[in-house]
Protein backbone atom coordinates (compact mmCIF):
# COMPACT_ATOMS: atom_id res chain seq x y z
CA UNK A 1 244.98 68.07 -17.29
CA UNK A 2 245.64 71.41 -15.62
CA UNK A 3 242.80 73.21 -13.84
CA UNK A 4 242.18 75.75 -11.12
CA UNK A 5 238.78 75.90 -9.48
CA UNK A 6 239.91 78.22 -6.68
CA UNK A 7 241.44 81.63 -7.43
CA UNK A 8 240.84 85.13 -6.13
CA UNK A 9 240.67 88.44 -7.97
CA UNK A 10 240.63 92.11 -7.04
CA UNK A 11 236.92 91.49 -6.46
CA UNK A 12 238.01 90.44 -2.96
CA UNK A 13 241.59 90.02 -1.75
CA UNK A 14 243.51 88.99 -4.86
CA UNK A 15 245.91 91.30 -6.67
CA UNK A 16 244.98 90.32 -10.25
CA UNK A 17 241.86 91.63 -11.98
CA UNK A 18 239.42 89.02 -13.31
CA UNK A 19 240.70 89.52 -16.87
CA UNK A 20 244.30 89.25 -15.70
CA UNK A 21 243.40 85.90 -14.14
CA UNK A 22 241.95 84.73 -17.46
CA UNK A 23 245.10 85.75 -19.31
CA UNK A 24 247.30 84.07 -16.71
CA UNK A 25 245.25 80.89 -17.03
CA UNK A 26 245.71 80.91 -20.80
CA UNK A 27 249.46 81.48 -20.42
CA UNK A 28 249.64 78.47 -18.09
CA UNK A 29 247.60 76.16 -20.35
CA UNK A 30 244.81 75.84 -17.79
CA UNK A 31 241.66 74.19 -19.19
CA UNK A 32 239.19 75.15 -16.45
CA UNK A 33 239.30 78.30 -14.32
CA UNK A 34 237.06 79.49 -11.51
CA UNK A 35 237.22 82.76 -9.60
CA UNK A 36 235.93 82.26 -6.05
CA UNK A 37 236.13 85.62 -4.33
CA UNK A 38 235.27 85.87 -0.65
CA UNK A 39 231.56 86.53 -0.02
CA UNK A 40 231.15 88.55 -3.22
CA UNK A 41 230.26 88.14 -6.89
CA UNK A 42 231.84 91.41 -8.02
CA UNK A 43 234.80 89.74 -9.71
CA UNK A 44 232.82 87.26 -11.78
CA UNK A 45 230.16 89.85 -12.64
CA UNK A 46 232.93 91.83 -14.30
CA UNK A 47 233.14 88.88 -16.72
CA UNK A 48 229.44 88.57 -17.47
CA UNK A 49 230.05 89.24 -21.16
CA UNK A 50 232.98 86.83 -21.28
CA UNK A 51 232.80 84.17 -23.97
CA UNK A 52 234.65 80.97 -23.14
CA UNK A 53 237.79 80.67 -25.19
CA UNK A 54 238.56 77.50 -27.10
CA UNK A 55 241.29 76.51 -24.66
CA UNK A 56 239.67 77.77 -21.44
CA UNK A 57 236.35 77.07 -19.76
CA UNK A 58 235.37 79.65 -17.14
CA UNK A 59 233.26 78.48 -14.19
CA UNK A 60 231.72 81.17 -11.93
CA UNK A 61 232.37 80.51 -8.25
CA UNK A 62 232.33 81.94 -4.75
CA UNK A 63 233.98 81.21 -1.40
CA UNK A 64 231.79 81.72 1.66
CA UNK A 65 233.19 81.83 5.19
CA UNK A 66 231.00 79.78 7.52
CA UNK A 67 230.71 79.99 11.31
CA UNK A 68 233.12 77.53 12.92
CA UNK A 69 235.56 77.53 15.87
CA UNK A 70 238.53 77.54 13.47
CA UNK A 71 238.16 77.92 9.69
CA UNK A 72 235.39 76.56 7.50
CA UNK A 73 235.14 77.80 3.94
CA UNK A 74 232.60 76.59 1.39
CA UNK A 75 233.01 76.93 -2.36
CA UNK A 76 230.01 77.30 -4.66
CA UNK A 77 229.90 76.59 -8.41
CA UNK A 78 227.36 76.67 -11.20
CA UNK A 79 224.81 78.88 -9.43
CA UNK A 80 222.74 81.69 -10.93
CA UNK A 81 224.83 84.81 -10.31
CA UNK A 82 221.68 86.92 -10.57
CA UNK A 83 219.82 84.99 -7.89
CA UNK A 84 218.05 87.63 -5.79
CA UNK A 85 218.43 86.05 -2.37
CA UNK A 86 222.07 85.11 -2.92
CA UNK A 87 222.91 88.68 -3.89
CA UNK A 88 220.98 90.15 -0.95
CA UNK A 89 222.76 87.97 1.61
CA UNK A 90 226.17 88.77 0.09
CA UNK A 91 225.37 92.48 0.14
CA UNK A 92 224.53 92.24 3.84
CA UNK A 93 227.83 90.47 4.53
CA UNK A 94 229.77 93.16 2.67
CA UNK A 95 227.94 95.94 4.51
CA UNK A 96 228.98 94.37 7.80
CA UNK A 97 232.55 94.13 6.51
CA UNK A 98 232.55 97.85 5.71
CA UNK A 99 231.50 98.67 9.26
CA UNK A 100 234.21 96.38 10.60
CA UNK A 101 236.82 98.14 8.49
CA UNK A 102 235.88 101.51 9.97
CA UNK A 103 236.29 100.09 13.49
CA UNK A 104 239.64 98.56 12.53
CA UNK A 105 240.86 101.93 11.25
CA UNK A 106 239.85 103.58 14.53
CA UNK A 107 241.72 100.90 16.49
CA UNK A 108 244.80 101.25 14.29
CA UNK A 109 244.90 104.98 14.88
CA UNK A 110 244.89 104.32 18.62
CA UNK A 111 248.05 102.27 18.04
CA UNK A 112 249.61 105.18 16.15
CA UNK A 113 249.06 103.74 12.69
CA UNK A 114 247.88 106.58 10.48
CA UNK A 115 245.78 104.77 7.88
CA UNK A 116 242.63 106.19 6.30
CA UNK A 117 239.65 104.62 4.58
CA UNK A 118 240.49 106.49 1.39
CA UNK A 119 243.99 104.97 1.36
CA UNK A 120 242.54 101.50 1.88
CA UNK A 121 240.09 101.92 -0.99
CA UNK A 122 242.94 102.98 -3.22
CA UNK A 123 245.00 100.00 -2.10
CA UNK A 124 242.09 97.62 -2.69
CA UNK A 125 241.11 99.21 -5.98
CA UNK A 126 237.51 99.53 -4.81
CA UNK A 127 235.10 99.27 -1.91
CA UNK A 128 235.85 95.68 -0.91
CA UNK A 129 238.60 95.89 1.69
CA UNK A 130 240.17 92.97 3.54
CA UNK A 131 243.02 92.41 5.98
CA UNK A 132 245.59 91.94 3.17
CA UNK A 133 244.97 95.55 2.16
CA UNK A 134 245.57 96.73 5.73
CA UNK A 135 248.78 94.69 5.76
CA UNK A 136 249.97 96.14 2.44
CA UNK A 137 249.51 99.70 3.68
CA UNK A 138 251.30 98.94 6.93
CA UNK A 139 254.28 97.74 4.90
CA UNK A 140 254.22 100.77 2.61
CA UNK A 141 254.15 103.09 5.61
CA UNK A 142 257.03 101.22 7.26
CA UNK A 143 255.00 100.18 10.29
CA UNK A 144 256.06 96.57 9.66
CA UNK A 145 258.75 94.90 7.57
CA UNK A 146 256.40 92.69 5.57
CA UNK A 147 252.80 91.46 5.38
CA UNK A 148 253.55 88.39 7.46
CA UNK A 149 254.69 90.59 10.35
CA UNK A 150 251.52 92.67 10.00
CA UNK A 151 249.38 89.56 10.35
CA UNK A 152 251.45 87.91 13.08
CA UNK A 153 251.61 90.97 15.30
CA UNK A 154 248.36 92.78 14.58
CA UNK A 155 245.87 91.23 12.13
CA UNK A 156 245.61 87.51 12.81
CA UNK A 157 242.82 86.12 14.97
CA UNK A 158 243.66 86.91 18.59
CA UNK A 159 246.03 89.76 17.67
CA UNK A 160 245.36 93.33 18.95
CA UNK A 161 243.81 94.72 15.76
CA UNK A 162 241.79 91.69 14.68
CA UNK A 163 238.03 92.10 14.43
CA UNK A 164 235.85 89.19 13.38
CA UNK A 165 233.63 89.37 10.32
CA UNK A 166 230.04 88.24 10.04
CA UNK A 167 229.65 84.63 8.90
CA UNK A 168 226.78 82.40 7.90
CA UNK A 169 226.03 79.16 9.69
CA UNK A 170 227.31 76.21 7.59
CA UNK A 171 223.78 74.97 6.91
CA UNK A 172 222.64 78.42 5.78
CA UNK A 173 225.67 78.88 3.51
CA UNK A 174 225.09 75.52 1.83
CA UNK A 175 221.37 76.09 1.35
CA UNK A 176 222.03 79.57 -0.05
CA UNK A 177 224.19 78.18 -2.85
CA UNK A 178 221.93 75.18 -3.47
CA UNK A 179 218.83 77.38 -3.71
CA UNK A 180 220.65 79.45 -6.34
CA UNK A 181 221.10 76.27 -8.39
CA UNK A 182 224.73 75.54 -7.53
CA UNK A 183 226.83 72.82 -5.96
CA UNK A 184 228.83 73.16 -2.73
CA UNK A 185 232.39 72.04 -1.99
CA UNK A 186 234.35 71.99 1.26
CA UNK A 187 237.46 74.10 0.65
CA UNK A 188 240.96 73.14 1.91
CA UNK A 189 239.80 70.71 4.65
CA UNK A 190 243.09 70.90 6.54
CA UNK A 191 242.30 74.48 7.54
CA UNK A 192 239.52 73.24 9.82
CA UNK A 193 242.38 72.05 12.08
CA UNK A 194 240.33 69.17 13.45
CA UNK A 195 241.53 65.58 13.85
CA UNK A 196 240.52 62.76 11.50
CA UNK A 197 237.49 61.64 13.48
CA UNK A 198 236.11 65.14 13.94
CA UNK A 199 236.69 65.93 10.26
CA UNK A 200 234.72 62.80 9.39
CA UNK A 201 231.94 63.93 11.72
CA UNK A 202 232.00 67.44 10.22
CA UNK A 203 231.74 66.17 6.66
CA UNK A 204 228.87 63.85 7.63
CA UNK A 205 227.05 66.86 9.10
CA UNK A 206 227.72 68.99 6.01
CA UNK A 207 226.52 66.18 3.75
CA UNK A 208 223.24 66.18 5.66
CA UNK A 209 222.93 69.88 4.78
CA UNK A 210 223.65 69.21 1.09
CA UNK A 211 227.45 69.22 0.62
CA UNK A 212 228.40 67.92 -2.83
CA UNK A 213 232.19 67.79 -2.94
CA UNK A 214 235.61 68.14 -1.31
CA UNK A 215 238.57 70.17 -2.52
CA UNK A 216 240.96 67.20 -2.28
CA UNK A 217 243.68 68.70 -4.48
CA UNK A 218 244.99 71.99 -3.10
CA UNK A 219 248.28 73.84 -3.33
CA UNK A 220 249.20 73.13 0.30
CA UNK A 221 247.83 69.61 0.64
CA UNK A 222 250.37 66.83 1.11
CA UNK A 223 250.05 63.47 -0.66
CA UNK A 224 248.79 62.01 2.62
CA UNK A 225 246.12 64.71 2.92
CA UNK A 226 244.98 64.17 -0.66
CA UNK A 227 244.67 60.42 -0.07
CA UNK A 228 242.66 61.02 3.12
CA UNK A 229 240.30 63.54 1.53
CA UNK A 230 239.72 61.34 -1.52
CA UNK A 231 238.82 58.49 0.84
CA UNK A 232 236.32 60.72 2.66
CA UNK A 233 234.85 61.79 -0.66
CA UNK A 234 234.38 58.16 -1.65
CA UNK A 235 232.88 57.30 1.75
CA UNK A 236 230.25 60.02 1.50
CA UNK A 237 229.71 59.83 -2.28
CA UNK A 238 231.15 63.29 -2.92
CA UNK A 239 233.03 64.46 -6.00
CA UNK A 240 236.50 66.00 -5.69
CA UNK A 241 237.83 69.30 -7.00
CA UNK A 242 241.22 70.94 -7.40
CA UNK A 243 242.24 74.53 -6.68
CA UNK A 244 245.33 76.54 -5.82
CA UNK A 245 243.80 79.40 -3.78
CA UNK A 246 245.86 81.78 -5.90
CA UNK A 247 245.75 85.37 -4.59
CA UNK A 248 248.53 86.95 -6.66
CA UNK A 249 251.12 88.72 -4.51
CA UNK A 250 248.82 88.66 -1.48
CA UNK A 251 249.74 84.99 -0.95
CA UNK A 252 253.32 84.36 -1.94
CA UNK A 253 254.50 80.94 -3.00
CA UNK A 254 251.18 79.85 -4.53
CA UNK A 255 251.09 79.52 -8.30
CA UNK A 256 247.97 79.18 -10.41
CA UNK A 257 247.04 75.71 -11.62
CA UNK A 258 246.74 72.15 -10.32
CA UNK A 259 247.70 69.10 -12.39
CA UNK A 260 245.17 66.30 -11.99
CA UNK A 261 244.12 63.15 -13.80
CA UNK A 262 240.99 64.00 -15.78
CA UNK A 263 239.34 60.74 -14.74
CA UNK A 264 239.41 61.79 -11.08
CA UNK A 265 237.78 65.12 -11.90
CA UNK A 266 235.21 63.74 -14.34
CA UNK A 267 232.30 63.46 -11.82
CA UNK A 268 232.61 67.19 -11.08
CA UNK A 269 233.01 68.11 -14.75
CA UNK A 270 229.91 66.10 -15.62
CA UNK A 271 227.89 68.04 -13.05
CA UNK A 272 229.18 71.35 -14.41
CA UNK A 273 228.09 70.35 -17.90
CA UNK A 274 224.54 69.79 -16.63
CA UNK A 275 224.26 73.08 -14.70
């Protein structure tokens, strides 16, 4: 079967609207689709009146960035999108992001990059602005050749224009989703950049907090990685999921959809049916 439990819309840093993602999923014969925008529910709320099509089941999701020395992202599924506390925490995170963006603009202007907040909003198609939107404008204004150069020279962690965003502690992020009635999955484990033993230790810690699953199948995972993550899932009695991390043109080379044996995904699908 073909599924994608990890895509991004214009609700955060994707280039396709939520409805464009649905249409793309239908065109690609995808049976299950989830939009997991970064720290926001705006994208999936735009689909609140969506009725699941015969050939496509839509699963609301979210991707939360957790505090960690490298990268630790947690995916949530099946939660109540109207949960009061969940929405309040996400609003606080977005408010902090807005303040960060203003500081980034000021720093860019010191470097001679003439970029305004109004231009960024237009580029983002709304209030939610991320580094990909800064990169796109830098390309359009000929400050850099392409987005990769923008990130490598200016926007990546450690680069001159990088400013960190506010993140939740892993335990708090997991509890937030669980309290809203959802399940929590560790996204793209390789991005933690820790060795096998430390990844095992990390997953054990996250399981103690309530982790439910691992994104074993991912667009950039090798066969060896998939085998390793499936073994960790079995060791800690976690289900596995599959997602591409599709961002449209903001992440080139990643297509929507992951082919996976339905039997391997059945534990996760069974949980979704109960939520």
